[in-house]
Amino acid sequence: MKTKKRILSVMLVLGGMFAGQAEAQNALKAFVQKCENMDGVTVSVVQRKNETTRELEQNLVTVSFRENPALTEEIKKAFEADKKDAIRVIEEKEKGVLKNVFYTFIEGNNEISYSYDISSGGNVSMSVIERPKKQREGRQERHERVE
């Protein structure tokens, strides 16, 4: 009976961990999806595939818009809402105001990085880079060999 209880409790803990991963970056995903259908917002997608296997190696989505204070505030709120689930957070402030932000998440077998940059003129550019985790591990191995 104790063994069954332990197995059940381990399953619940693991289930909670995976559920937390699935909920990561919900606000950021919703923001990108909203922008895809908006006037005055440019969304571009670039995919890179392996030449031999044709497997997706990288998916890059860029969202950009000009001088839209309401949308700029919305992007900041989306990043702040999902910050707690990021495995890497880089933030750059200028005179106390966030100007550049970079967050990385792990979702399943993928590493997904979100970043945004606000120029002094109010132009905003956001990037989403999705790579298979094995791609990330290969980059780390190459980096370690160089050092």
N, C-alpha and C. Protein backbone atom coordinates (compact mmCIF):
# COMPACT_ATOMS: atom_id res chain seq x y z
N MET A 1 0.83 -1.19 0.00
CA MET A 1 0.00 0.00 0.00
C MET A 1 0.88 1.26 0.00
N LYS A 2 1.97 1.24 0.81
CA LYS A 2 2.86 2.39 0.85
C LYS A 2 3.50 2.64 -0.51
N THR A 3 3.84 1.58 -1.20
CA THR A 3 4.46 1.70 -2.52
C THR A 3 3.50 2.37 -3.50
N LYS A 4 2.22 1.99 -3.46
CA LYS A 4 1.23 2.60 -4.35
C LYS A 4 1.09 4.09 -4.05
N LYS A 5 1.09 4.44 -2.76
CA LYS A 5 0.97 5.85 -2.39
C LYS A 5 2.18 6.64 -2.87
N ARG A 6 3.37 6.04 -2.74
CA ARG A 6 4.59 6.72 -3.22
C ARG A 6 4.53 6.93 -4.72
N ILE A 7 4.13 5.91 -5.44
CA ILE A 7 4.04 6.01 -6.90
C ILE A 7 3.04 7.09 -7.29
N LEU A 8 1.90 7.11 -6.61
CA LEU A 8 0.88 8.11 -6.89
C LEU A 8 1.40 9.51 -6.60
N SER A 9 2.09 9.69 -5.49
CA SER A 9 2.60 11.02 -5.15
C SER A 9 3.68 11.47 -6.13
N VAL A 10 4.54 10.54 -6.57
CA VAL A 10 5.55 10.88 -7.58
C VAL A 10 4.87 11.27 -8.88
N MET A 11 3.83 10.54 -9.28
CA MET A 11 3.10 10.85 -10.51
C MET A 11 2.47 12.23 -10.42
N LEU A 12 1.92 12.57 -9.26
CA LEU A 12 1.31 13.89 -9.09
C LEU A 12 2.35 15.00 -9.19
N VAL A 13 3.50 14.79 -8.57
CA VAL A 13 4.57 15.79 -8.63
C VAL A 13 5.04 15.97 -10.07
N LEU A 14 5.30 14.87 -10.76
CA LEU A 14 5.74 14.94 -12.16
C LEU A 14 4.67 15.58 -13.04
N GLY A 15 3.44 15.22 -12.81
CA GLY A 15 2.34 15.82 -13.58
C GLY A 15 2.28 17.31 -13.37
N GLY A 16 2.50 17.76 -12.14
CA GLY A 16 2.52 19.19 -11.85
C GLY A 16 3.66 19.90 -12.55
N MET A 17 4.82 19.23 -12.62
CA MET A 17 5.97 19.83 -13.30
C MET A 17 5.67 20.01 -14.79
N PHE A 18 5.10 19.00 -15.42
CA PHE A 18 4.81 19.10 -16.84
C PHE A 18 3.67 20.08 -17.11
N ALA A 19 2.70 20.14 -16.21
CA ALA A 19 1.63 21.11 -16.38
C ALA A 19 2.18 22.52 -16.29
N GLY A 20 3.14 22.73 -15.40
CA GLY A 20 3.77 24.05 -15.28
C GLY A 20 4.49 24.43 -16.55
N GLN A 21 5.18 23.46 -17.19
CA GLN A 21 5.85 23.74 -18.46
C GLN A 21 4.84 24.12 -19.52
N ALA A 22 3.72 23.42 -19.57
CA ALA A 22 2.73 23.68 -20.61
C ALA A 22 2.11 25.07 -20.45
N GLU A 23 2.04 25.57 -19.22
CA GLU A 23 1.46 26.87 -18.97
C GLU A 23 2.45 28.01 -19.17
N ALA A 24 3.73 27.69 -19.28
CA ALA A 24 4.75 28.72 -19.45
C ALA A 24 4.50 29.49 -20.73
N GLN A 25 4.80 30.75 -20.69
CA GLN A 25 4.72 31.70 -21.81
C GLN A 25 3.35 31.87 -22.44
N ASN A 26 2.27 31.61 -21.69
CA ASN A 26 0.92 31.80 -22.22
C ASN A 26 0.66 33.24 -22.65
N ALA A 27 1.08 34.20 -21.83
CA ALA A 27 0.84 35.61 -22.15
C ALA A 27 1.62 36.02 -23.40
N LEU A 28 2.85 35.53 -23.52
CA LEU A 28 3.67 35.87 -24.69
C LEU A 28 3.09 35.25 -25.96
N LYS A 29 2.66 34.00 -25.89
CA LYS A 29 2.05 33.35 -27.05
C LYS A 29 0.78 34.09 -27.47
N ALA A 30 -0.04 34.48 -26.50
CA ALA A 30 -1.28 35.20 -26.80
C ALA A 30 -0.98 36.55 -27.45
N PHE A 31 0.07 37.23 -26.97
CA PHE A 31 0.44 38.52 -27.55
C PHE A 31 0.83 38.36 -29.02
N VAL A 32 1.67 37.38 -29.32
CA VAL A 32 2.11 37.16 -30.71
C VAL A 32 0.90 36.82 -31.58
N GLN A 33 0.04 35.96 -31.10
CA GLN A 33 -1.15 35.57 -31.86
C GLN A 33 -2.04 36.78 -32.14
N LYS A 34 -2.22 37.64 -31.15
CA LYS A 34 -3.03 38.84 -31.31
C LYS A 34 -2.43 39.75 -32.39
N CYS A 35 -1.10 39.89 -32.37
CA CYS A 35 -0.42 40.78 -33.31
C CYS A 35 -0.52 40.32 -34.76
N GLU A 36 -0.68 39.02 -34.97
CA GLU A 36 -0.74 38.48 -36.33
C GLU A 36 -1.86 39.08 -37.16
N ASN A 37 -2.92 39.55 -36.52
CA ASN A 37 -4.09 40.07 -37.24
C ASN A 37 -4.31 41.56 -37.06
N MET A 38 -3.30 42.28 -36.57
CA MET A 38 -3.47 43.70 -36.28
C MET A 38 -2.94 44.58 -37.41
N ASP A 39 -3.64 45.69 -37.66
CA ASP A 39 -3.14 46.70 -38.59
C ASP A 39 -1.96 47.41 -37.95
N GLY A 40 -0.97 47.76 -38.75
CA GLY A 40 0.18 48.50 -38.25
C GLY A 40 1.23 47.64 -37.56
N VAL A 41 1.03 46.32 -37.59
CA VAL A 41 1.99 45.39 -36.98
C VAL A 41 2.48 44.44 -38.07
N THR A 42 3.80 44.32 -38.16
CA THR A 42 4.40 43.41 -39.13
C THR A 42 4.85 42.15 -38.41
N VAL A 43 4.44 41.00 -38.92
CA VAL A 43 4.85 39.71 -38.37
C VAL A 43 5.51 38.92 -39.50
N SER A 44 6.76 38.53 -39.27
CA SER A 44 7.46 37.72 -40.28
C SER A 44 7.94 36.43 -39.64
N VAL A 45 8.00 35.37 -40.47
CA VAL A 45 8.40 34.04 -40.01
C VAL A 45 9.51 33.53 -40.92
N VAL A 46 10.59 33.05 -40.31
CA VAL A 46 11.69 32.44 -41.04
C VAL A 46 11.96 31.07 -40.42
N GLN A 47 11.95 30.03 -41.25
CA GLN A 47 12.22 28.68 -40.76
C GLN A 47 13.50 28.16 -41.41
N ARG A 48 14.32 27.51 -40.59
CA ARG A 48 15.52 26.86 -41.09
C ARG A 48 15.38 25.36 -40.84
N LYS A 49 15.61 24.58 -41.91
CA LYS A 49 15.50 23.12 -41.81
C LYS A 49 16.84 22.48 -42.12
N ASN A 50 17.03 21.29 -41.58
CA ASN A 50 18.22 20.50 -41.87
C ASN A 50 18.20 20.10 -43.34
N GLU A 51 19.31 20.29 -44.04
CA GLU A 51 19.37 19.99 -45.46
C GLU A 51 19.11 18.52 -45.78
N THR A 52 19.54 17.65 -44.91
CA THR A 52 19.42 16.21 -45.16
C THR A 52 18.08 15.67 -44.71
N THR A 53 17.71 15.95 -43.45
CA THR A 53 16.51 15.34 -42.86
C THR A 53 15.25 16.18 -43.07
N ARG A 54 15.43 17.44 -43.40
CA ARG A 54 14.31 18.40 -43.54
C ARG A 54 13.59 18.65 -42.22
N GLU A 55 14.22 18.27 -41.11
CA GLU A 55 13.64 18.56 -39.79
C GLU A 55 13.87 20.03 -39.47
N LEU A 56 12.89 20.61 -38.80
CA LEU A 56 12.99 22.02 -38.42
C LEU A 56 14.11 22.20 -37.40
N GLU A 57 15.05 23.09 -37.70
CA GLU A 57 16.15 23.38 -36.78
C GLU A 57 15.90 24.67 -36.02
N GLN A 58 15.19 25.59 -36.66
CA GLN A 58 14.92 26.86 -36.00
C GLN A 58 13.71 27.53 -36.64
N ASN A 59 12.87 28.09 -35.80
CA ASN A 59 11.72 28.86 -36.25
C ASN A 59 11.85 30.25 -35.63
N LEU A 60 11.91 31.27 -36.47
CA LEU A 60 12.07 32.65 -35.99
C LEU A 60 10.84 33.45 -36.38
N VAL A 61 10.19 34.05 -35.39
CA VAL A 61 9.04 34.92 -35.62
C VAL A 61 9.43 36.31 -35.12
N THR A 62 9.24 37.31 -35.97
CA THR A 62 9.54 38.69 -35.58
C THR A 62 8.26 39.52 -35.67
N VAL A 63 7.98 40.26 -34.60
CA VAL A 63 6.83 41.15 -34.54
C VAL A 63 7.39 42.56 -34.38
N SER A 64 6.95 43.49 -35.23
CA SER A 64 7.43 44.86 -35.07
C SER A 64 6.30 45.85 -35.31
N PHE A 65 6.37 46.96 -34.58
CA PHE A 65 5.38 48.02 -34.73
C PHE A 65 6.01 49.34 -34.30
N ARG A 66 5.36 50.43 -34.73
CA ARG A 66 5.88 51.78 -34.47
C ARG A 66 4.94 52.56 -33.56
N GLU A 67 5.52 53.26 -32.64
CA GLU A 67 4.84 54.26 -31.82
C GLU A 67 3.40 53.89 -31.45
N ASN A 68 3.26 52.83 -30.71
CA ASN A 68 1.96 52.38 -30.24
C ASN A 68 2.08 52.14 -28.73
N PRO A 69 1.87 53.21 -27.93
CA PRO A 69 2.07 53.09 -26.48
C PRO A 69 1.23 52.00 -25.82
N ALA A 70 0.00 51.80 -26.27
CA ALA A 70 -0.86 50.78 -25.66
C ALA A 70 -0.31 49.38 -25.93
N LEU A 71 0.13 49.14 -27.16
CA LEU A 71 0.70 47.84 -27.50
C LEU A 71 2.05 47.63 -26.83
N THR A 72 2.82 48.71 -26.69
CA THR A 72 4.11 48.63 -25.98
C THR A 72 3.88 48.23 -24.53
N GLU A 73 2.88 48.80 -23.90
CA GLU A 73 2.56 48.45 -22.51
C GLU A 73 2.09 47.00 -22.42
N GLU A 74 1.35 46.56 -23.42
CA GLU A 74 0.85 45.19 -23.43
C GLU A 74 2.00 44.18 -23.55
N ILE A 75 3.00 44.48 -24.37
CA ILE A 75 4.13 43.56 -24.51
C ILE A 75 4.91 43.48 -23.20
N LYS A 76 5.06 44.60 -22.52
CA LYS A 76 5.76 44.60 -21.22
C LYS A 76 5.01 43.73 -20.22
N LYS A 77 3.69 43.85 -20.19
CA LYS A 77 2.87 43.06 -19.26
C LYS A 77 2.95 41.57 -19.58
N ALA A 78 2.99 41.22 -20.87
CA ALA A 78 3.08 39.81 -21.26
C ALA A 78 4.42 39.22 -20.80
N PHE A 79 5.50 39.97 -20.99
CA PHE A 79 6.79 39.49 -20.52
C PHE A 79 6.80 39.34 -19.01
N GLU A 80 6.28 40.31 -18.31
CA GLU A 80 6.27 40.26 -16.85
C GLU A 80 5.43 39.09 -16.34
N ALA A 81 4.31 38.81 -17.00
CA ALA A 81 3.43 37.72 -16.57
C ALA A 81 4.11 36.36 -16.70
N ASP A 82 4.97 36.19 -17.70
CA ASP A 82 5.59 34.89 -17.94
C ASP A 82 7.02 34.78 -17.39
N LYS A 83 7.53 35.83 -16.83
CA LYS A 83 8.91 35.87 -16.34
C LYS A 83 9.22 34.76 -15.34
N LYS A 84 8.29 34.44 -14.47
CA LYS A 84 8.52 33.45 -13.41
C LYS A 84 8.83 32.06 -13.95
N ASP A 85 8.42 31.76 -15.19
CA ASP A 85 8.62 30.44 -15.77
C ASP A 85 9.88 30.35 -16.64
N ALA A 86 10.56 31.46 -16.84
CA ALA A 86 11.75 31.48 -17.70
C ALA A 86 12.93 30.82 -17.00
N ILE A 87 13.78 30.13 -17.77
CA ILE A 87 14.99 29.55 -17.20
C ILE A 87 16.16 30.51 -17.32
N ARG A 88 16.04 31.52 -18.19
CA ARG A 88 17.07 32.54 -18.33
C ARG A 88 16.37 33.88 -18.53
N VAL A 89 16.81 34.89 -17.76
CA VAL A 89 16.22 36.22 -17.84
C VAL A 89 17.35 37.23 -17.97
N ILE A 90 17.29 38.03 -19.02
CA ILE A 90 18.24 39.13 -19.21
C ILE A 90 17.41 40.39 -19.43
N GLU A 91 17.64 41.41 -18.64
CA GLU A 91 16.89 42.66 -18.76
C GLU A 91 17.86 43.84 -18.75
N GLU A 92 17.63 44.79 -19.64
CA GLU A 92 18.46 45.99 -19.72
C GLU A 92 17.58 47.21 -19.55
N LYS A 93 17.97 48.05 -18.60
CA LYS A 93 17.20 49.27 -18.33
C LYS A 93 18.00 50.49 -18.75
N GLU A 94 17.26 51.50 -19.16
CA GLU A 94 17.87 52.79 -19.47
C GLU A 94 17.07 53.84 -18.70
N LYS A 95 17.75 54.52 -17.78
CA LYS A 95 17.09 55.51 -16.91
C LYS A 95 15.89 54.91 -16.18
N GLY A 96 16.05 53.66 -15.73
CA GLY A 96 15.01 53.00 -14.95
C GLY A 96 13.89 52.37 -15.77
N VAL A 97 13.96 52.46 -17.10
CA VAL A 97 12.91 51.93 -17.95
C VAL A 97 13.46 50.73 -18.73
N LEU A 98 12.72 49.61 -18.70
CA LEU A 98 13.14 48.43 -19.47
C LEU A 98 13.14 48.74 -20.95
N LYS A 99 14.27 48.48 -21.60
CA LYS A 99 14.40 48.73 -23.04
C LYS A 99 14.63 47.44 -23.81
N ASN A 100 15.40 46.52 -23.23
CA ASN A 100 15.72 45.25 -23.88
C ASN A 100 15.47 44.12 -22.89
N VAL A 101 14.78 43.09 -23.35
CA VAL A 101 14.46 41.96 -22.49
C VAL A 101 14.67 40.68 -23.30
N PHE A 102 15.20 39.63 -22.63
CA PHE A 102 15.43 38.34 -23.26
C PHE A 102 15.10 37.26 -22.25
N TYR A 103 14.13 36.40 -22.56
CA TYR A 103 13.75 35.29 -21.69
C TYR A 103 13.85 33.99 -22.48
N THR A 104 14.27 32.92 -21.81
CA THR A 104 14.32 31.60 -22.43
C THR A 104 13.48 30.62 -21.61
N PHE A 105 12.74 29.78 -22.33
CA PHE A 105 11.88 28.77 -21.72
C PHE A 105 12.21 27.42 -22.34
N ILE A 106 11.93 26.35 -21.60
CA ILE A 106 11.99 25.01 -22.14
C ILE A 106 10.56 24.49 -22.18
N GLU A 107 10.15 24.03 -23.36
CA GLU A 107 8.80 23.47 -23.52
C GLU A 107 8.92 22.15 -24.26
N GLY A 108 8.69 21.06 -23.55
CA GLY A 108 8.87 19.75 -24.17
C GLY A 108 10.31 19.56 -24.59
N ASN A 109 10.51 19.30 -25.87
CA ASN A 109 11.86 19.11 -26.41
C ASN A 109 12.40 20.37 -27.09
N ASN A 110 11.80 21.51 -26.81
CA ASN A 110 12.20 22.74 -27.47
C ASN A 110 12.66 23.81 -26.48
N GLU A 111 13.60 24.61 -26.95
CA GLU A 111 14.02 25.81 -26.23
C GLU A 111 13.41 26.98 -26.99
N ILE A 112 12.69 27.85 -26.28
CA ILE A 112 12.03 28.98 -26.91
C ILE A 112 12.51 30.26 -26.23
N SER A 113 13.06 31.17 -27.04
CA SER A 113 13.56 32.44 -26.51
C SER A 113 12.70 33.58 -27.04
N TYR A 114 12.34 34.47 -26.14
CA TYR A 114 11.56 35.66 -26.48
C TYR A 114 12.40 36.88 -26.13
N SER A 115 12.40 37.87 -27.00
CA SER A 115 13.10 39.11 -26.69
C SER A 115 12.32 40.28 -27.27
N TYR A 116 12.52 41.45 -26.67
CA TYR A 116 12.00 42.67 -27.29
C TYR A 116 12.96 43.80 -27.05
N ASP A 117 12.88 44.77 -27.95
CA ASP A 117 13.73 45.94 -27.91
C ASP A 117 12.86 47.16 -28.22
N ILE A 118 12.97 48.18 -27.38
CA ILE A 118 12.24 49.42 -27.61
C ILE A 118 13.26 50.49 -27.96
N SER A 119 13.14 51.06 -29.16
CA SER A 119 14.09 52.10 -29.57
C SER A 119 13.70 53.43 -28.94
N SER A 120 14.60 54.38 -29.01
CA SER A 120 14.33 55.69 -28.42
C SER A 120 13.16 56.39 -29.12
N GLY A 121 12.87 56.04 -30.37
CA GLY A 121 11.75 56.63 -31.09
C GLY A 121 10.42 55.94 -30.83
N GLY A 122 10.42 54.90 -30.00
CA GLY A 122 9.17 54.21 -29.67
C GLY A 122 8.88 53.01 -30.56
N ASN A 123 9.79 52.67 -31.46
CA ASN A 123 9.61 51.48 -32.29
C ASN A 123 9.92 50.24 -31.45
N VAL A 124 9.11 49.21 -31.64
CA VAL A 124 9.27 47.98 -30.86
C VAL A 124 9.49 46.80 -31.81
N SER A 125 10.45 45.96 -31.45
CA SER A 125 10.71 44.74 -32.20
C SER A 125 10.77 43.59 -31.21
N MET A 126 10.02 42.54 -31.50
CA MET A 126 9.98 41.36 -30.64
C MET A 126 10.37 40.15 -31.49
N SER A 127 11.18 39.27 -30.93
CA SER A 127 11.58 38.05 -31.63
C SER A 127 11.26 36.83 -30.79
N VAL A 128 10.85 35.77 -31.46
CA VAL A 128 10.62 34.48 -30.83
C VAL A 128 11.45 33.47 -31.62
N ILE A 129 12.38 32.81 -30.92
CA ILE A 129 13.24 31.82 -31.57
C ILE A 129 12.98 30.48 -30.91
N GLU A 130 12.57 29.51 -31.72
CA GLU A 130 12.30 28.17 -31.21
C GLU A 130 13.26 27.18 -31.87
N ARG A 131 13.93 26.41 -31.02
CA ARG A 131 14.88 25.40 -31.49
C ARG A 131 14.64 24.10 -30.73
N PRO A 132 14.89 22.98 -31.41
CA PRO A 132 14.86 21.71 -30.67
C PRO A 132 15.95 21.72 -29.60
N LYS A 133 15.69 21.11 -28.47
CA LYS A 133 16.63 21.09 -27.36
C LYS A 133 17.97 20.47 -27.77
N LYS A 134 17.96 19.46 -28.65
CA LYS A 134 19.19 18.83 -29.08
C LYS A 134 20.07 19.84 -29.82
N GLN A 135 19.47 20.80 -30.49
CA GLN A 135 20.21 21.86 -31.17
C GLN A 135 20.95 22.69 -30.13
N ARG A 136 20.28 22.98 -29.03
CA ARG A 136 20.87 23.76 -27.94
C ARG A 136 22.04 23.01 -27.33
N GLU A 137 21.86 21.71 -27.11
CA GLU A 137 22.93 20.91 -26.50
C GLU A 137 24.15 20.86 -27.41
N GLY A 138 23.94 20.80 -28.72
CA GLY A 138 25.05 20.81 -29.66
C GLY A 138 25.83 22.11 -29.60
N ARG A 139 25.12 23.24 -29.47
CA ARG A 139 25.79 24.55 -29.34
C ARG A 139 26.62 24.60 -28.07
N GLN A 140 26.10 24.04 -26.97
CA GLN A 140 26.83 24.04 -25.70
C GLN A 140 28.10 23.21 -25.82
N GLU A 141 28.02 22.05 -26.49
CA GLU A 141 29.21 21.21 -26.66
C GLU A 141 30.28 21.94 -27.47
N ARG A 142 29.90 22.61 -28.56
CA ARG A 142 30.85 23.35 -29.37
C ARG A 142 31.49 24.47 -28.56
N HIS A 143 30.69 25.14 -27.73
CA HIS A 143 31.19 26.23 -26.90
C HIS A 143 32.21 25.71 -25.88
N GLU A 144 31.92 24.56 -25.27
CA GLU A 144 32.81 23.99 -24.28
C GLU A 144 34.14 23.57 -24.92
N ARG A 145 34.11 23.07 -26.16
CA ARG A 145 35.34 22.66 -26.84
C ARG A 145 36.22 23.87 -27.15
N VAL A 146 35.62 25.02 -27.43
CA VAL A 146 36.36 26.22 -27.78
C VAL A 146 37.10 26.75 -26.55
N GLU A 147 36.49 26.64 -25.38
CA GLU A 147 37.09 27.17 -24.16
C GLU A 147 38.22 26.37 -23.71
